[in-house]
């Protein structure tokens, strides 16, 4: 029996918020704002993949054919041939280069070139050249420090994008919750106003009989009709507001949302949301700024490195072999043969004054300091917002207890005035005033409920726990 009661309590708890939870899940699945926020995370991930792939292995192949029969001129030819001469030459060139850039700022390339040269009246000559070149940045990107900083900045940007996207989703989700509880408020208000309308109709019917019997004055019937018309207007106004909120919810989940999707605040299955306990350090907006500051700090460091000179060290080894007997094939390489070339050099580039680099460094510093200040101010503001929300929820809970007692008293007062009016010991104005007091007290009560629910979920939003609280997602 005890297990059955526990199970029943569990299903009751799930059922009480089934309307809001279902809409929240549909919102996360269908809403375009959510889709856009998720795509921003994917784009940030692609930036990292693009950065990682920027230093990869590359293969380059070229193949050229040249048949040159143009006239040429040289002083030597002028002495023996009387001026210009033409010596047709046919050249075929095929090249294959394999290169690799490394994260530590170096690059290595292996080049192979095959030539077939034939001039008129000469034997065809084949040539094969091999070269190995190493380059290393020993200035701005010493040991790949700039490349590493860029990667760290992109990682921080990805985290910032992830938290920002989740924060944007939760902000939209919070708007959905506010619209939901506004709809819940007006759905309950329609029910309360309908009850008041029924009472006004019954009262008018009773007064009509008593006026005919001469027990009441005609003015009482006029006042009763005025009260009935006012009750009808109140029902229509509540329905109009309910329709407006249902329209907002329909737009959010991209389908028609009607009364059946909403749990009214006066329904027995309604259950108040339990206020969560959390920490402001988990606020998604704050975490977004933390990683934005971190990314901007890395960017600033990279700009500072760009103030240094560009220094590139290069070493190369090249060897070739031209041989009429090589034919169409190539046997082995050429390294280790005497006809080689060894080259070592350093290239330094340092713009005088470095004004463009200084401008970019200053820009990065301003962005970093601004974001840092913004994060510090937000951390202070969130603490104040949390305190304000907690205090407001406490006040609303106290008011809910008070208004609940007032409803009972107002209901008893209306019942007593009804009895007194029927016995002629109270006038109609007193009876109507007692009913209006009851209606207003009921309205106050459900307004407190709606505000409390919205504020309690706003606390979940502050703690970065909103989607988890709704059962629509996991905490990030």
Protein backbone atom coordinates (compact mmCIF):
# COMPACT_ATOMS: atom_id res chain seq x y z
CA UNK A 1 0.00 0.00 0.00
CA UNK A 2 2.86 2.35 0.90
CA UNK A 3 4.59 1.70 -2.46
CA UNK A 4 1.32 2.37 -4.25
CA UNK A 5 0.97 5.75 -2.51
CA UNK A 6 4.55 6.70 -3.42
CA UNK A 7 3.93 5.73 -7.05
CA UNK A 8 0.65 7.65 -7.08
CA UNK A 9 2.40 10.74 -5.70
CA UNK A 10 5.09 10.47 -8.37
CA UNK A 11 2.60 10.26 -11.24
CA UNK A 12 0.60 13.12 -9.74
CA UNK A 13 3.73 15.29 -9.64
CA UNK A 14 4.55 14.48 -13.27
CA UNK A 15 0.94 15.05 -14.36
CA UNK A 16 0.64 18.42 -12.66
CA UNK A 17 3.30 19.94 -14.88
CA UNK A 18 2.69 17.79 -17.95
CA UNK A 19 1.34 20.81 -19.87
CA UNK A 20 4.36 23.05 -19.34
CA UNK A 21 6.91 20.25 -19.69
CA UNK A 22 5.36 19.07 -22.95
CA UNK A 23 5.38 22.57 -24.41
CA UNK A 24 8.99 23.05 -23.27
CA UNK A 25 10.08 19.84 -25.03
CA UNK A 26 8.25 20.85 -28.21
CA UNK A 27 9.85 24.30 -28.00
CA UNK A 28 13.36 22.81 -27.81
CA UNK A 29 12.60 20.50 -30.75
CA UNK A 30 10.87 22.96 -33.08
CA UNK A 31 11.66 26.58 -32.31
CA UNK A 32 13.85 28.42 -34.83
CA UNK A 33 15.69 30.36 -32.10
CA UNK A 34 16.79 27.07 -30.57
CA UNK A 35 17.91 25.74 -33.96
CA UNK A 36 19.93 28.90 -34.61
CA UNK A 37 21.56 28.75 -31.16
CA UNK A 38 22.57 25.12 -31.71
CA UNK A 39 23.98 25.93 -35.16
CA UNK A 40 26.22 28.59 -33.60
CA UNK A 41 27.86 25.86 -31.50
CA UNK A 42 28.45 23.77 -34.62
CA UNK A 43 30.00 26.77 -36.40
CA UNK A 44 32.37 27.37 -33.47
CA UNK A 45 33.39 23.70 -33.60
CA UNK A 46 34.05 24.01 -37.33
CA UNK A 47 36.33 27.00 -36.66
CA UNK A 48 38.49 24.74 -34.47
CA UNK A 49 38.52 22.00 -37.10
CA UNK A 50 39.49 24.54 -39.76
CA UNK A 51 42.30 25.84 -37.56
CA UNK A 52 43.54 22.31 -36.83
CA UNK A 53 43.51 21.41 -40.53
CA UNK A 54 45.42 24.55 -41.54
CA UNK A 55 48.76 22.82 -40.86
CA UNK A 56 48.42 19.58 -42.69
CA UNK A 57 50.23 17.45 -45.26
CA UNK A 58 49.98 18.68 -48.85
CA UNK A 59 50.77 16.99 -52.15
CA UNK A 60 51.36 19.16 -55.22
CA UNK A 61 51.74 17.77 -58.74
CA UNK A 62 52.62 19.75 -61.91
CA UNK A 63 53.10 18.62 -65.49
CA UNK A 64 54.20 20.96 -68.32
CA UNK A 65 55.07 20.59 -72.00
CA UNK A 66 56.88 23.33 -73.96
CA UNK A 67 57.88 23.30 -77.64
CA UNK A 68 59.79 26.54 -78.37
CA UNK A 69 60.59 27.58 -81.99
CA UNK A 70 60.93 31.32 -81.36
CA UNK A 71 63.81 33.29 -82.87
CA UNK A 72 66.61 34.16 -80.49
CA UNK A 73 69.49 36.66 -80.60
CA UNK A 74 72.92 36.72 -78.94
CA UNK A 75 76.27 38.42 -79.57
CA UNK A 76 77.87 35.01 -80.18
CA UNK A 77 75.26 34.13 -82.80
CA UNK A 78 75.74 37.51 -84.45
CA UNK A 79 79.41 36.73 -85.15
CA UNK A 80 78.84 33.30 -86.66
CA UNK A 81 75.28 33.31 -87.93
CA UNK A 82 74.91 36.94 -88.97
CA UNK A 83 72.25 37.86 -86.38
CA UNK A 84 69.17 36.12 -85.04
CA UNK A 85 68.89 32.39 -85.10
CA UNK A 86 66.26 29.78 -84.26
CA UNK A 87 66.97 26.59 -82.40
CA UNK A 88 63.74 24.69 -81.65
CA UNK A 89 63.75 23.07 -78.23
CA UNK A 90 61.22 20.70 -76.65
CA UNK A 91 60.93 20.44 -72.85
CA UNK A 92 58.74 18.21 -70.70
CA UNK A 93 58.60 18.88 -66.94
CA UNK A 94 56.89 16.82 -64.24
CA UNK A 95 57.05 17.80 -60.57
CA UNK A 96 55.83 16.25 -57.32
CA UNK A 97 56.13 18.03 -53.96
CA UNK A 98 55.21 16.65 -50.53
CA UNK A 99 55.06 19.27 -47.76
CA UNK A 100 54.06 19.30 -44.13
CA UNK A 101 53.50 22.22 -41.74
CA UNK A 102 53.92 21.51 -38.03
CA UNK A 103 52.20 22.99 -34.98
CA UNK A 104 55.56 24.08 -33.60
CA UNK A 105 56.04 26.61 -36.40
CA UNK A 106 58.21 24.59 -38.76
CA UNK A 107 57.59 23.19 -42.23
CA UNK A 108 59.29 20.50 -44.29
CA UNK A 109 58.95 19.98 -48.03
CA UNK A 110 60.31 17.25 -50.31
CA UNK A 111 60.48 18.24 -54.00
CA UNK A 112 61.05 16.01 -57.04
CA UNK A 113 61.29 17.32 -60.61
CA UNK A 114 61.77 15.26 -63.80
CA UNK A 115 62.79 16.94 -67.08
CA UNK A 116 63.08 15.69 -70.66
CA UNK A 117 64.93 18.19 -72.93
CA UNK A 118 65.53 17.82 -76.66
CA UNK A 119 67.04 20.49 -78.93
CA UNK A 120 67.27 20.24 -82.71
CA UNK A 121 70.36 18.31 -83.72
CA UNK A 122 71.17 17.15 -80.15
CA UNK A 123 70.62 14.02 -78.14
CA UNK A 124 67.62 13.97 -75.77
CA UNK A 125 68.68 14.58 -72.17
CA UNK A 126 66.81 13.50 -69.06
CA UNK A 127 67.19 15.29 -65.76
CA UNK A 128 66.01 14.57 -62.24
CA UNK A 129 66.21 17.02 -59.34
CA UNK A 130 65.49 16.38 -55.67
CA UNK A 131 65.28 18.97 -52.91
CA UNK A 132 64.59 18.96 -49.18
CA UNK A 133 63.68 22.29 -47.53
CA UNK A 134 63.11 23.06 -43.86
CA UNK A 135 61.68 26.34 -42.57
CA UNK A 136 61.28 27.46 -38.97
CA UNK A 137 59.77 30.63 -37.61
CA UNK A 138 62.06 31.85 -34.83
CA UNK A 139 60.37 35.21 -34.29
CA UNK A 140 56.66 35.79 -33.70
CA UNK A 141 55.75 32.13 -33.91
CA UNK A 142 58.74 30.67 -32.05
CA UNK A 143 57.98 27.01 -31.28
CA UNK A 144 54.47 27.63 -32.65
CA UNK A 145 53.43 29.84 -29.74
CA UNK A 146 51.07 31.98 -31.84
CA UNK A 147 49.50 28.90 -33.37
CA UNK A 148 49.00 27.44 -29.90
CA UNK A 149 47.48 30.69 -28.62
CA UNK A 150 45.09 30.79 -31.59
CA UNK A 151 43.95 27.26 -30.77
CA UNK A 152 43.42 28.08 -27.11
CA UNK A 153 41.44 31.21 -28.10
CA UNK A 154 39.22 29.12 -30.38
CA UNK A 155 38.65 26.56 -27.61
CA UNK A 156 37.59 29.37 -25.26
CA UNK A 157 35.38 30.83 -27.98
CA UNK A 158 33.72 27.44 -28.45
CA UNK A 159 32.95 27.23 -24.72
CA UNK A 160 31.66 30.80 -24.75
CA UNK A 161 29.46 30.00 -27.77
CA UNK A 162 28.15 26.87 -26.07
CA UNK A 163 27.16 28.73 -22.91
CA UNK A 164 25.77 31.69 -24.87
CA UNK A 165 23.67 29.42 -27.05
CA UNK A 166 22.30 27.61 -23.98
CA UNK A 167 21.66 30.97 -22.32
CA UNK A 168 19.78 32.19 -25.40
CA UNK A 169 17.73 28.99 -25.41
CA UNK A 170 16.97 29.30 -21.69
CA UNK A 171 16.02 32.97 -22.12
CA UNK A 172 13.53 32.01 -24.82
CA UNK A 173 12.37 29.13 -22.65
CA UNK A 174 11.82 31.57 -19.78
CA UNK A 175 9.66 33.72 -22.08
CA UNK A 176 7.66 30.59 -22.91
CA UNK A 177 7.19 29.91 -19.18
CA UNK A 178 6.01 33.47 -18.54
CA UNK A 179 3.50 33.20 -21.38
CA UNK A 180 2.38 29.81 -20.09
CA UNK A 181 1.67 31.07 -16.57
CA UNK A 182 -0.03 34.16 -17.95
CA UNK A 183 -2.26 31.82 -19.97
CA UNK A 184 -2.77 29.70 -16.86
CA UNK A 185 -3.74 32.84 -14.93
CA UNK A 186 -6.31 33.93 -17.51
CA UNK A 187 -7.69 30.42 -17.89
CA UNK A 188 -8.37 30.40 -14.14
CA UNK A 189 -9.69 33.95 -14.35
CA UNK A 190 -12.18 32.88 -17.02
CA UNK A 191 -13.37 30.12 -14.68
CA UNK A 192 -13.70 32.53 -11.73
CA UNK A 193 -15.52 35.14 -13.80
CA UNK A 194 -17.86 32.45 -15.15
CA UNK A 195 -18.70 31.48 -11.57
CA UNK A 196 -19.38 35.16 -10.80
CA UNK A 197 -21.52 35.38 -13.96
CA UNK A 198 -23.61 32.41 -12.83
CA UNK A 199 -24.13 34.01 -9.41
CA UNK A 200 -25.12 37.31 -11.03
CA UNK A 201 -27.62 35.49 -13.27
CA UNK A 202 -29.14 33.58 -10.34
CA UNK A 203 -29.36 36.81 -8.33
CA UNK A 204 -31.12 38.64 -11.20
CA UNK A 205 -33.61 35.79 -11.61
CA UNK A 206 -34.37 35.86 -7.89
CA UNK A 207 -34.77 39.65 -7.80
CA UNK A 208 -37.10 39.59 -10.80
CA UNK A 209 -39.47 37.29 -8.91
CA UNK A 210 -39.31 39.44 -5.81
CA UNK A 211 -39.97 42.64 -7.77
CA UNK A 212 -43.04 40.99 -9.31
CA UNK A 213 -44.18 39.96 -5.85
CA UNK A 214 -43.62 43.49 -4.58
CA UNK A 215 -40.99 42.37 -2.11
CA UNK A 216 -38.18 44.38 -3.80
CA UNK A 217 -37.86 47.70 -5.50
CA UNK A 218 -37.39 47.96 -9.25
CA UNK A 219 -34.01 49.66 -8.71
CA UNK A 220 -32.66 46.37 -7.31
CA UNK A 221 -33.43 44.66 -10.61
CA UNK A 222 -31.61 47.44 -12.48
CA UNK A 223 -28.56 47.08 -10.26
CA UNK A 224 -28.65 43.29 -10.69
CA UNK A 225 -28.70 43.71 -14.48
CA UNK A 226 -25.75 46.11 -14.29
CA UNK A 227 -23.87 43.53 -12.21
CA UNK A 228 -24.69 40.81 -14.74
CA UNK A 229 -23.44 42.89 -17.68
CA UNK A 230 -20.24 43.69 -15.81
CA UNK A 231 -19.69 39.99 -15.11
CA UNK A 232 -20.14 39.17 -18.82
CA UNK A 233 -17.63 41.86 -19.78
CA UNK A 234 -15.12 40.47 -17.28
CA UNK A 235 -15.46 36.98 -18.79
CA UNK A 236 -14.88 38.31 -22.31
CA UNK A 237 -11.85 40.37 -21.21
CA UNK A 238 -10.30 37.32 -19.53
CA UNK A 239 -10.92 35.21 -22.64
CA UNK A 240 -9.35 37.86 -24.85
CA UNK A 241 -6.20 37.90 -22.72
CA UNK A 242 -6.14 34.09 -22.69
CA UNK A 243 -6.36 34.00 -26.51
CA UNK A 244 -3.46 36.45 -26.75
CA UNK A 245 -1.24 34.26 -24.55
CA UNK A 246 -2.27 31.08 -26.38
CA UNK A 247 -1.25 32.79 -29.62
CA UNK A 248 2.21 33.54 -28.20
CA UNK A 249 2.60 29.92 -27.10
CA UNK A 250 1.42 28.67 -30.51
CA UNK A 251 4.04 30.82 -32.23
CA UNK A 252 6.76 29.49 -29.93
CA UNK A 253 6.06 25.79 -30.64
CA UNK A 254 4.77 26.30 -34.21
CA UNK A 255 1.41 24.60 -33.67
CA UNK A 256 -2.01 25.50 -32.32
CA UNK A 257 -2.04 25.58 -28.51
CA UNK A 258 -5.47 25.53 -26.89
CA UNK A 259 -7.00 25.30 -23.40
CA UNK A 260 -6.33 21.60 -23.11
CA UNK A 261 -2.56 22.27 -23.18
CA UNK A 262 -2.79 24.60 -20.18
CA UNK A 263 -3.22 23.65 -16.51
CA UNK A 264 -5.16 26.37 -14.72
CA UNK A 265 -4.00 27.75 -11.38
CA UNK A 266 -7.35 26.89 -9.80
CA UNK A 267 -7.36 23.28 -11.01
CA UNK A 268 -6.83 20.52 -8.46
CA UNK A 269 -4.02 19.01 -10.53
CA UNK A 270 -2.01 22.24 -10.37
CA UNK A 271 1.08 21.96 -8.18
CA UNK A 272 3.41 24.84 -7.33
CA UNK A 273 6.98 24.65 -8.62
CA UNK A 274 9.49 24.04 -5.85
CA UNK A 275 12.05 26.81 -5.58
CA UNK A 276 15.49 25.44 -6.49
CA UNK A 277 18.72 25.95 -4.60
CA UNK A 278 21.68 26.93 -6.73
CA UNK A 279 24.75 29.10 -7.10
CA UNK A 280 25.10 32.24 -9.17
CA UNK A 281 28.54 31.12 -10.38
CA UNK A 282 26.69 28.63 -12.61
CA UNK A 283 24.83 31.42 -14.41
CA UNK A 284 25.14 30.78 -18.15
CA UNK A 285 25.50 34.43 -19.06
CA UNK A 286 28.30 34.82 -16.54
CA UNK A 287 30.07 31.70 -17.85
CA UNK A 288 29.74 33.05 -21.38
CA UNK A 289 31.53 36.24 -20.37
CA UNK A 290 34.20 34.32 -18.47
CA UNK A 291 35.21 32.38 -21.58
CA UNK A 292 34.85 35.45 -23.80
CA UNK A 293 37.33 37.26 -21.52
CA UNK A 294 39.63 34.23 -21.71
CA UNK A 295 39.43 34.17 -25.52
CA UNK A 296 40.06 37.92 -25.77
CA UNK A 297 43.04 37.54 -23.42
CA UNK A 298 44.55 34.96 -25.77
CA UNK A 299 43.85 37.22 -28.73
CA UNK A 300 45.61 40.09 -26.94
CA UNK A 301 48.65 37.88 -26.34
CA UNK A 302 48.75 36.99 -30.03
CA UNK A 303 48.61 40.69 -30.99
CA UNK A 304 51.46 41.41 -28.58
CA UNK A 305 53.54 38.71 -30.26
CA UNK A 306 52.88 40.37 -33.62
CA UNK A 307 54.86 43.37 -32.41
CA UNK A 308 57.97 41.18 -32.63
CA UNK A 309 59.90 40.88 -35.91
CA UNK A 310 59.12 38.14 -38.40
CA UNK A 311 62.24 35.92 -38.47
CA UNK A 312 62.36 32.82 -40.65
CA UNK A 313 65.21 30.32 -40.70
CA UNK A 314 65.55 28.17 -43.80
CA UNK A 315 67.85 25.28 -44.70
CA UNK A 316 67.74 23.33 -47.94
CA UNK A 317 69.54 20.51 -49.66
CA UNK A 318 69.23 20.06 -53.42
CA UNK A 319 70.77 17.53 -55.83
CA UNK A 320 70.29 16.92 -59.54
CA UNK A 321 71.42 14.60 -62.29
CA UNK A 322 71.21 15.06 -66.07
CA UNK A 323 71.92 11.94 -68.06
CA UNK A 324 71.01 11.03 -71.67
CA UNK A 325 70.86 7.42 -70.61
CA UNK A 326 68.19 7.74 -67.89
CA UNK A 327 65.44 7.07 -70.41
CA UNK A 328 61.82 7.20 -69.35
CA UNK A 329 62.38 5.70 -65.92
CA UNK A 330 64.05 6.91 -62.73
CA UNK A 331 66.22 4.60 -60.70
CA UNK A 332 66.43 5.80 -57.07
CA UNK A 333 67.04 9.36 -56.01
CA UNK A 334 69.89 11.78 -56.44
CA UNK A 335 70.84 12.49 -52.81
CA UNK A 336 74.39 11.50 -51.96
CA UNK A 337 75.81 12.36 -55.38
CA UNK A 338 78.52 14.99 -55.73
CA UNK A 339 76.44 17.49 -57.71
CA UNK A 340 74.48 18.99 -54.81
CA UNK A 341 73.60 22.35 -53.28
CA UNK A 342 73.37 23.22 -49.57
CA UNK A 343 71.79 26.53 -48.53
CA UNK A 344 71.18 28.05 -45.11
CA UNK A 345 69.66 31.48 -44.47
CA UNK A 346 67.70 33.73 -42.16
CA UNK A 347 65.12 36.23 -43.30
CA UNK A 348 64.03 39.08 -40.99
CA UNK A 349 61.08 41.37 -41.65
CA UNK A 350 60.28 44.12 -39.15
CA UNK A 351 58.06 47.02 -40.26
CA UNK A 352 59.51 50.28 -38.95
CA UNK A 353 57.33 51.56 -36.12
CA UNK A 354 54.94 48.63 -36.41
CA UNK A 355 51.95 51.00 -36.46
CA UNK A 356 49.37 48.54 -37.88
CA UNK A 357 50.42 45.92 -35.31
CA UNK A 358 50.22 48.47 -32.49
CA UNK A 359 46.74 49.53 -33.58
CA UNK A 360 45.56 45.91 -33.54
CA UNK A 361 47.21 45.33 -30.15
CA UNK A 362 45.45 48.40 -28.73
CA UNK A 363 42.13 47.28 -30.21
CA UNK A 364 42.52 43.82 -28.65
CA UNK A 365 43.43 45.35 -25.28
CA UNK A 366 40.36 47.61 -25.28
CA UNK A 367 38.10 44.64 -26.13
CA UNK A 368 39.70 42.54 -23.40
CA UNK A 369 39.43 45.21 -20.69
CA UNK A 370 35.82 46.02 -21.67
CA UNK A 371 34.75 42.38 -21.52
CA UNK A 372 36.57 41.92 -18.22
CA UNK A 373 34.79 44.91 -16.69
CA UNK A 374 31.46 43.69 -18.04
CA UNK A 375 31.99 40.27 -16.46
CA UNK A 376 32.91 41.79 -13.08
CA UNK A 377 29.83 44.04 -13.10
CA UNK A 378 27.56 41.17 -14.13
CA UNK A 379 28.86 39.01 -11.26
CA UNK A 380 27.83 41.77 -8.83
CA UNK A 381 24.46 42.32 -10.51
CA UNK A 382 23.54 38.63 -10.51
CA UNK A 383 23.99 38.44 -6.74
CA UNK A 384 21.61 41.38 -6.35
CA UNK A 385 19.11 39.86 -8.78
CA UNK A 386 19.21 36.55 -6.91
CA UNK A 387 18.58 38.29 -3.57
CA UNK A 388 15.71 40.26 -5.05
CA UNK A 389 14.09 37.16 -6.57
CA UNK A 390 14.41 35.16 -3.33
CA UNK A 391 12.87 38.03 -1.35
CA UNK A 392 10.02 38.45 -3.84
CA UNK A 393 9.21 34.74 -3.78
CA UNK A 394 9.08 34.82 0.04
CA UNK A 395 6.72 37.81 0.00
CA UNK A 396 4.48 36.12 -2.57
CA UNK A 397 4.34 32.92 -0.52
CA UNK A 398 3.28 34.97 2.52
CA UNK A 399 0.67 36.77 0.43
CA UNK A 400 -0.61 33.44 -0.89
CA UNK A 401 -1.24 32.27 2.68
CA UNK A 402 -2.94 35.56 3.51
CA UNK A 403 -5.06 35.65 0.34
CA UNK A 404 -6.09 32.03 0.86
CA UNK A 405 -7.44 33.01 4.29
CA UNK A 406 -9.09 36.09 2.79
CA UNK A 407 -10.87 33.93 0.20
CA UNK A 408 -12.42 31.85 2.96
CA UNK A 409 -13.47 34.96 4.89
CA UNK A 410 -14.81 36.70 1.76
CA UNK A 411 -16.75 33.58 0.82
CA UNK A 412 -18.27 33.46 4.31
CA UNK A 413 -19.07 37.18 4.14
CA UNK A 414 -20.83 36.75 0.79
CA UNK A 415 -22.84 33.86 2.17
CA UNK A 416 -23.89 35.92 5.20
CA UNK A 417 -24.82 38.99 3.11
CA UNK A 418 -26.88 36.75 0.83
CA UNK A 419 -28.85 35.50 3.83
CA UNK A 420 -29.27 39.04 5.18
CA UNK A 421 -30.41 40.33 1.80
CA UNK A 422 -32.98 37.55 1.49
CA UNK A 423 -34.34 38.55 4.91
CA UNK A 424 -34.34 42.22 4.00
CA UNK A 425 -31.68 43.16 6.52
CA UNK A 426 -29.06 44.20 3.91
CA UNK A 427 -29.38 46.12 0.67
CA UNK A 428 -28.22 44.97 -2.77
CA UNK A 429 -25.20 47.28 -2.81
CA UNK A 430 -23.77 45.50 0.22
CA UNK A 431 -24.34 42.12 -1.38
CA UNK A 432 -22.70 43.14 -4.66
CA UNK A 433 -19.79 44.72 -2.77
CA UNK A 434 -19.29 41.48 -0.84
CA UNK A 435 -19.25 39.50 -4.10
CA UNK A 436 -16.80 41.90 -5.72
CA UNK A 437 -14.56 41.56 -2.66
CA UNK A 438 -14.59 37.77 -3.10
CA UNK A 439 -13.85 38.02 -6.82
CA UNK A 440 -11.01 40.49 -6.31
CA UNK A 441 -9.52 38.34 -3.55
CA UNK A 442 -9.63 35.28 -5.81
CA UNK A 443 -7.99 37.30 -8.59
CA UNK A 444 -5.28 38.48 -6.17
CA UNK A 445 -4.63 34.89 -5.13
CA UNK A 446 -4.13 33.52 -8.64
CA UNK A 447 -2.06 36.57 -9.57
CA UNK A 448 0.24 35.80 -6.65
CA UNK A 449 0.42 32.19 -7.82
CA UNK A 450 1.29 33.18 -11.40
CA UNK A 451 3.96 35.65 -10.25
CA UNK A 452 5.46 33.14 -7.83
CA UNK A 453 5.74 30.46 -10.52
CA UNK A 454 7.38 32.85 -12.97
CA UNK A 455 9.85 34.13 -10.36
CA UNK A 456 10.75 30.63 -9.17
CA UNK A 457 11.61 29.62 -12.75
CA UNK A 458 13.55 32.85 -13.14
CA UNK A 459 15.67 31.72 -10.21
CA UNK A 460 16.31 28.45 -12.05
CA UNK A 461 17.36 30.55 -15.04
CA UNK A 462 19.76 32.57 -12.87
CA UNK A 463 21.33 29.32 -11.62
CA UNK A 464 21.63 27.93 -15.18
CA UNK A 465 19.25 25.09 -14.31
CA UNK A 466 16.10 26.01 -16.25
CA UNK A 467 16.00 23.23 -18.85
CA UNK A 468 16.86 20.64 -16.20
CA UNK A 469 14.08 21.90 -13.90
CA UNK A 470 11.57 21.40 -16.71
CA UNK A 471 12.86 17.94 -17.51
CA UNK A 472 13.59 19.22 -21.02
CA UNK A 473 17.35 19.00 -20.93
CA UNK A 474 20.48 18.44 -18.86
CA UNK A 475 22.48 21.02 -17.02
CA UNK A 476 25.38 22.30 -19.07
